[in-house]
Amino acid sequence: MSQHPIEALMKTAMESIKEMVDVNTVVGDPVETPDGTIIIPISKLTCGFAAGGGEYASGGDDEKGSENLPFGGGSGGGISLSPMGFLVVGGGHVRLLPVDGNNAVIDRVIDMAPQIASQLQAIFKKSNREEIKEETLYQGGV
C-alpha cells in the first residue's frame, strides 16, 4: 500500500516542530552568579499543528478508482514561547520569581508562608514560656 500524500505533509510539519522545540526551550540554561546562586529561566511553550487535504474528482465518475484522483492539501504548525519566571537556587532556598507582576504578591506570600509559620511558632513558644514564668513567680516559686 503506497503512502498517502497527507502523511508526507504531516511528517514534514512534525519534524520541523521537533527541530524547533527541545527541553532547553522550556527550562533554559542555568546561570551561576559570583555568590554561587543559580538562576534558571522557565518558559511556557504552546504548540499548534494542523493538516488537511482532499482528493478531487475530475468531473463525472472515475472508473479508475481513488488512486488516480488529484490531491490537494497543506499543513502548518507554530509555537508560542512566553517567559514565566526564574527559578533561583541559593543560600539553602529555592524560589520561583515570576515575570508578570499580576500574581507577584500572591506568589510572594506563598513563598514566605514557611518563614511566617516558623516565626509565629517561635512567638507562641516565647509567649507560653513567659506565662509559665509569671505563674511560678506569682505562686511564690522561683
Protein backbone atom coordinates (compact mmCIF):
# COMPACT_ATOMS: atom_id res chain seq x y z
CA MET A 1 0.00 0.00 0.00
CA SER A 2 1.50 3.33 -1.03
CA GLN A 3 1.80 6.27 1.34
CA HIS A 4 -0.98 8.85 1.15
CA PRO A 5 0.20 12.41 0.35
CA ILE A 6 -1.26 13.81 3.60
CA GLU A 7 1.09 11.54 5.57
CA ALA A 8 4.12 13.18 3.97
CA LEU A 9 2.74 16.66 4.76
CA MET A 10 2.15 15.76 8.41
CA LYS A 11 5.55 14.12 8.76
CA THR A 12 7.36 17.17 7.37
CA ALA A 13 5.50 19.59 9.66
CA MET A 14 6.05 17.45 12.78
CA GLU A 15 9.77 17.06 12.05
CA SER A 16 10.10 20.84 11.69
CA ILE A 17 8.39 21.42 15.05
CA LYS A 18 10.56 18.75 16.65
CA GLU A 19 13.70 20.57 15.45
CA MET A 20 12.49 23.87 16.92
CA VAL A 21 11.44 22.59 20.35
CA ASP A 22 13.57 20.83 22.94
CA VAL A 23 13.77 20.79 26.73
CA ASN A 24 16.13 23.80 26.72
CA THR A 25 13.31 25.86 25.22
CA VAL A 26 11.16 25.42 28.34
CA VAL A 27 13.86 25.19 31.00
CA GLY A 28 16.73 27.44 29.95
CA ASP A 29 20.43 27.06 30.59
CA PRO A 30 21.35 27.83 34.22
CA VAL A 31 23.38 30.94 35.01
CA GLU A 32 25.63 30.98 38.08
CA THR A 33 26.25 34.29 39.84
CA PRO A 34 29.53 35.12 41.64
CA ASP A 35 27.96 34.41 45.06
CA GLY A 36 27.02 30.86 43.98
CA THR A 37 23.32 31.46 43.33
CA ILE A 38 21.98 29.61 40.29
CA ILE A 39 19.29 31.24 38.14
CA ILE A 40 17.29 29.08 35.72
CA PRO A 41 14.85 30.72 33.26
CA ILE A 42 11.47 28.97 32.92
CA SER A 43 9.19 29.50 29.90
CA LYS A 44 5.74 28.41 28.78
CA LEU A 45 5.57 26.74 25.38
CA THR A 46 2.37 26.41 23.37
CA CYS A 47 2.30 24.34 20.18
CA GLY A 48 -0.28 24.18 17.44
CA PHE A 49 -0.50 21.93 14.43
CA ALA A 50 -2.95 21.44 11.58
CA ALA A 51 -3.03 19.34 8.43
CA GLY A 52 -5.69 18.72 5.87
CA GLY A 53 -6.34 17.80 2.32
CA GLY A 54 -8.74 16.36 -0.14
CA GLU A 55 -8.97 14.32 -3.30
CA TYR A 56 -10.87 15.83 -6.17
CA ALA A 57 -12.71 14.01 -8.93
CA SER A 58 -12.17 15.28 -12.43
CA GLY A 59 -15.87 15.65 -13.28
CA GLY A 60 -18.15 12.66 -13.61
CA ASP A 61 -17.48 9.18 -12.31
CA ASP A 62 -13.89 8.00 -12.25
CA GLU A 63 -13.73 4.33 -13.22
CA LYS A 64 -10.00 4.01 -12.39
CA GLY A 65 -10.54 4.20 -8.60
CA SER A 66 -9.49 6.65 -5.96
CA GLU A 67 -5.75 6.11 -6.54
CA ASN A 68 -5.79 8.37 -9.60
CA LEU A 69 -7.70 11.29 -8.09
CA PRO A 70 -5.72 14.53 -7.79
CA PHE A 71 -4.79 15.50 -4.23
CA GLY A 72 -4.64 18.98 -2.71
CA GLY A 73 -3.59 19.66 0.85
CA GLY A 74 -1.48 21.57 3.27
CA SER A 75 -0.13 21.58 6.77
CA GLY A 76 1.20 24.09 9.22
CA GLY A 77 2.33 24.50 12.74
CA GLY A 78 3.53 27.09 15.13
CA ILE A 79 4.83 27.67 18.60
CA SER A 80 4.43 30.43 21.12
CA LEU A 81 7.07 30.94 23.79
CA SER A 82 6.31 33.09 26.84
CA PRO A 83 8.72 33.72 29.72
CA MET A 84 7.15 32.65 33.03
CA GLY A 85 9.83 33.36 35.62
CA PHE A 86 13.15 32.42 37.09
CA LEU A 87 13.97 29.55 39.42
CA VAL A 88 16.52 30.90 41.91
CA VAL A 89 18.57 28.35 43.87
CA GLY A 90 20.95 29.66 46.52
CA GLY A 91 21.51 30.22 50.21
CA GLY A 92 19.70 27.00 51.08
CA HIS A 93 16.46 28.19 49.44
CA VAL A 94 14.68 27.58 46.14
CA ARG A 95 12.36 30.34 44.94
CA LEU A 96 10.33 31.00 41.81
CA LEU A 97 10.36 34.65 40.77
CA PRO A 98 7.51 35.25 38.30
CA VAL A 99 7.97 37.60 35.36
CA ASP A 100 4.44 39.06 35.29
CA GLY A 101 3.52 41.43 38.07
CA ASN A 102 -0.13 40.36 38.33
CA ASN A 103 0.44 37.38 40.59
CA ALA A 104 3.64 38.60 42.22
CA VAL A 105 2.04 39.44 45.58
CA ILE A 106 0.26 36.09 45.88
CA ASP A 107 3.37 34.18 44.82
CA ARG A 108 5.48 36.11 47.31
CA VAL A 109 3.04 35.33 50.16
CA ILE A 110 3.07 31.64 49.25
CA ASP A 111 6.87 31.74 49.04
CA MET A 112 7.09 33.32 52.51
CA ALA A 113 4.49 31.05 54.19
CA PRO A 114 7.03 28.64 55.75
CA GLN A 115 9.04 31.54 57.22
CA ILE A 116 5.93 33.18 58.64
CA ALA A 117 4.76 29.88 60.17
CA SER A 118 8.10 29.29 61.92
CA GLN A 119 8.17 32.88 63.23
CA LEU A 120 4.65 32.52 64.60
CA GLN A 121 5.61 29.27 66.31
CA ALA A 122 8.60 30.98 67.93
CA ILE A 123 6.40 33.84 69.16
CA PHE A 124 3.85 31.46 70.69
CA LYS A 125 6.55 29.36 72.36
CA LYS A 126 8.14 32.50 73.81
CA SER A 127 4.73 33.72 74.99
CA ASN A 128 3.99 30.36 76.69
CA ARG A 129 7.38 30.37 78.43
CA GLU A 130 6.78 33.90 79.76
CA GLU A 131 3.28 32.94 81.05
CA ILE A 132 4.66 29.90 82.85
CA LYS A 133 7.44 32.01 84.38
CA GLU A 134 4.93 34.66 85.57
CA GLU A 135 2.65 31.99 87.08
CA THR A 136 5.56 30.46 89.03
CA LEU A 137 6.61 33.87 90.32
CA TYR A 138 3.04 34.72 91.33
CA GLN A 139 2.63 31.45 93.22
CA GLY A 140 5.78 32.20 95.21
CA GLY A 141 8.06 29.93 93.25
CA VAL A 142 11.39 30.68 91.66
